[in-house]
């Protein structure tokens, strides 16, 4: 899927249509203090194997794409619901 770097769309903060910069959301480092990570560390510590079975099969053919929009007027960033796409790239408009 191709998408332009700038797009005119509705800003929920300004309550009007403005030019917005489009950027892809990047995965951030997982927190070591999250409850799931603390439980994972407790289960894998000491003797015993990995707590879950190894994933069978292959990787999914599509990845979920999350996009964030930055309003040029107010500077606020908002994010929309992700969708699946095999390929994603930005075009110069």
C-alpha atoms as a PDB file:
ATOM      1  CA  UNK A   1       0.000   0.000   0.000  1.00  0.00           C
ATOM      2  CA  UNK A   2       1.256   3.466  -0.862  1.00  0.00           C
ATOM      3  CA  UNK A   3       0.445   6.540   1.214  1.00  0.00           C
ATOM      4  CA  UNK A   4       1.529  10.195   0.891  1.00  0.00           C
ATOM      5  CA  UNK A   5       3.709  11.838   3.569  1.00  0.00           C
ATOM      6  CA  UNK A   6       1.240  14.714   4.003  1.00  0.00           C
ATOM      7  CA  UNK A   7      -2.530  14.460   3.767  1.00  0.00           C
ATOM      8  CA  UNK A   8      -5.487  16.746   4.413  1.00  0.00           C
ATOM      9  CA  UNK A   9      -7.840  15.193   6.930  1.00  0.00           C
ATOM     10  CA  UNK A  10      -9.937  16.036   9.986  1.00  0.00           C
ATOM     11  CA  UNK A  11      -8.101  16.951  13.211  1.00  0.00           C
ATOM     12  CA  UNK A  12     -10.103  15.995  16.335  1.00  0.00           C
ATOM     13  CA  UNK A  13      -8.363  18.725  18.372  1.00  0.00           C
ATOM     14  CA  UNK A  14      -8.794  21.638  15.929  1.00  0.00           C
ATOM     15  CA  UNK A  15     -12.254  20.312  14.912  1.00  0.00           C
ATOM     16  CA  UNK A  16     -11.554  21.102  11.230  1.00  0.00           C
ATOM     17  CA  UNK A  17      -9.678  19.726   8.224  1.00  0.00           C
ATOM     18  CA  UNK A  18      -5.948  20.510   8.271  1.00  0.00           C
ATOM     19  CA  UNK A  19      -2.765  19.343   6.550  1.00  0.00           C
ATOM     20  CA  UNK A  20      -1.232  16.500   8.574  1.00  0.00           C
ATOM     21  CA  UNK A  21       2.099  14.693   8.478  1.00  0.00           C
ATOM     22  CA  UNK A  22       1.820  10.916   8.269  1.00  0.00           C
ATOM     23  CA  UNK A  23       4.247   8.640  10.127  1.00  0.00           C
ATOM     24  CA  UNK A  24       4.367   4.934  10.871  1.00  0.00           C
ATOM     25  CA  UNK A  25       4.260   3.898  14.528  1.00  0.00           C
ATOM     26  CA  UNK A  26       7.418   2.073  15.572  1.00  0.00           C
ATOM     27  CA  UNK A  27       7.559  -0.704  18.142  1.00  0.00           C
ATOM     28  CA  UNK A  28       9.004   0.515  21.421  1.00  0.00           C
ATOM     29  CA  UNK A  29      11.107  -1.437  23.893  1.00  0.00           C
ATOM     30  CA  UNK A  30       8.990  -3.634  26.165  1.00  0.00           C
ATOM     31  CA  UNK A  31       8.873  -2.529  29.792  1.00  0.00           C
ATOM     32  CA  UNK A  32      10.563  -4.826  32.287  1.00  0.00           C
ATOM     33  CA  UNK A  33       8.086  -3.690  34.961  1.00  0.00           C
ATOM     34  CA  UNK A  34       4.957  -4.802  33.074  1.00  0.00           C
ATOM     35  CA  UNK A  35       2.945  -7.540  34.799  1.00  0.00           C
ATOM     36  CA  UNK A  36       3.257  -9.995  31.906  1.00  0.00           C
ATOM     37  CA  UNK A  37       7.040  -9.553  31.791  1.00  0.00           C
ATOM     38  CA  UNK A  38       7.360  -9.996  35.562  1.00  0.00           C
ATOM     39  CA  UNK A  39       5.322 -13.206  35.381  1.00  0.00           C
ATOM     40  CA  UNK A  40       7.422 -14.424  32.419  1.00  0.00           C
ATOM     41  CA  UNK A  41      10.668 -13.808  34.357  1.00  0.00           C
ATOM     42  CA  UNK A  42       9.306 -15.677  37.397  1.00  0.00           C
ATOM     43  CA  UNK A  43       8.194 -18.699  35.334  1.00  0.00           C
ATOM     44  CA  UNK A  44      11.427 -18.984  33.330  1.00  0.00           C
ATOM     45  CA  UNK A  45      13.756 -18.542  36.307  1.00  0.00           C
ATOM     46  CA  UNK A  46      15.266 -21.623  37.942  1.00  0.00           C
ATOM     47  CA  UNK A  47      14.817 -25.142  36.595  1.00  0.00           C
ATOM     48  CA  UNK A  48      12.256 -26.030  33.959  1.00  0.00           C
ATOM     49  CA  UNK A  49      11.656 -25.198  30.360  1.00  0.00           C
ATOM     50  CA  UNK A  50       9.979 -22.430  28.447  1.00  0.00           C
ATOM     51  CA  UNK A  51       6.409 -21.802  29.711  1.00  0.00           C
ATOM     52  CA  UNK A  52       4.726 -21.845  26.295  1.00  0.00           C
ATOM     53  CA  UNK A  53       4.947 -24.191  23.291  1.00  0.00           C
ATOM     54  CA  UNK A  54       7.078 -23.144  20.334  1.00  0.00           C
ATOM     55  CA  UNK A  55       5.013 -21.482  17.564  1.00  0.00           C
ATOM     56  CA  UNK A  56       4.140 -23.916  14.811  1.00  0.00           C
ATOM     57  CA  UNK A  57       3.770 -23.102  11.140  1.00  0.00           C
ATOM     58  CA  UNK A  58       4.996 -19.989   9.391  1.00  0.00           C
ATOM     59  CA  UNK A  59       4.867 -16.244   9.782  1.00  0.00           C
ATOM     60  CA  UNK A  60       1.645 -14.438   8.842  1.00  0.00           C
ATOM     61  CA  UNK A  61       1.614 -13.046   5.279  1.00  0.00           C
ATOM     62  CA  UNK A  62       0.422  -9.602   6.373  1.00  0.00           C
ATOM     63  CA  UNK A  63       1.463  -7.273   9.172  1.00  0.00           C
ATOM     64  CA  UNK A  64      -0.754  -4.804  11.006  1.00  0.00           C
ATOM     65  CA  UNK A  65       0.043  -1.204  10.035  1.00  0.00           C
ATOM     66  CA  UNK A  66      -0.455   1.583  12.588  1.00  0.00           C
ATOM     67  CA  UNK A  67      -0.319   5.199  11.407  1.00  0.00           C
ATOM     68  CA  UNK A  68      -0.009   8.404  13.430  1.00  0.00           C
ATOM     69  CA  UNK A  69      -0.993  11.827  12.118  1.00  0.00           C
ATOM     70  CA  UNK A  70       0.572  15.104  13.297  1.00  0.00           C
ATOM     71  CA  UNK A  71      -1.531  18.228  12.715  1.00  0.00           C
ATOM     72  CA  UNK A  72       0.399  21.177  11.226  1.00  0.00           C
ATOM     73  CA  UNK A  73      -1.990  23.634  12.901  1.00  0.00           C
ATOM     74  CA  UNK A  74      -1.969  22.586  16.555  1.00  0.00           C
ATOM     75  CA  UNK A  75       0.927  20.100  16.546  1.00  0.00           C
ATOM     76  CA  UNK A  76      -1.133  17.371  18.247  1.00  0.00           C
ATOM     77  CA  UNK A  77      -0.623  13.757  17.222  1.00  0.00           C
ATOM     78  CA  UNK A  78      -3.439  11.258  16.972  1.00  0.00           C
ATOM     79  CA  UNK A  79      -3.454   7.633  15.898  1.00  0.00           C
ATOM     80  CA  UNK A  80      -6.040   5.630  13.978  1.00  0.00           C
ATOM     81  CA  UNK A  81      -6.962   1.965  14.187  1.00  0.00           C
ATOM     82  CA  UNK A  82      -4.457  -0.303  12.425  1.00  0.00           C
ATOM     83  CA  UNK A  83      -5.137  -2.391   9.348  1.00  0.00           C
ATOM     84  CA  UNK A  84      -3.372  -5.263   7.639  1.00  0.00           C
ATOM     85  CA  UNK A  85      -1.165  -4.824   4.583  1.00  0.00           C
ATOM     86  CA  UNK A  86       1.463  -6.959   2.903  1.00  0.00           C
ATOM     87  CA  UNK A  87       3.660  -3.982   2.002  1.00  0.00           C
ATOM     88  CA  UNK A  88       3.535  -0.349   3.110  1.00  0.00           C
ATOM     89  CA  UNK A  89       5.506   2.594   1.736  1.00  0.00           C
ATOM     90  CA  UNK A  90       5.310   6.377   1.662  1.00  0.00           C
ATOM     91  CA  UNK A  91       5.107   8.295  -1.613  1.00  0.00           C
ATOM     92  CA  UNK A  92       6.262  11.850  -2.179  1.00  0.00           C
ATOM     93  CA  UNK A  93       3.201  13.908  -3.082  1.00  0.00           C
END
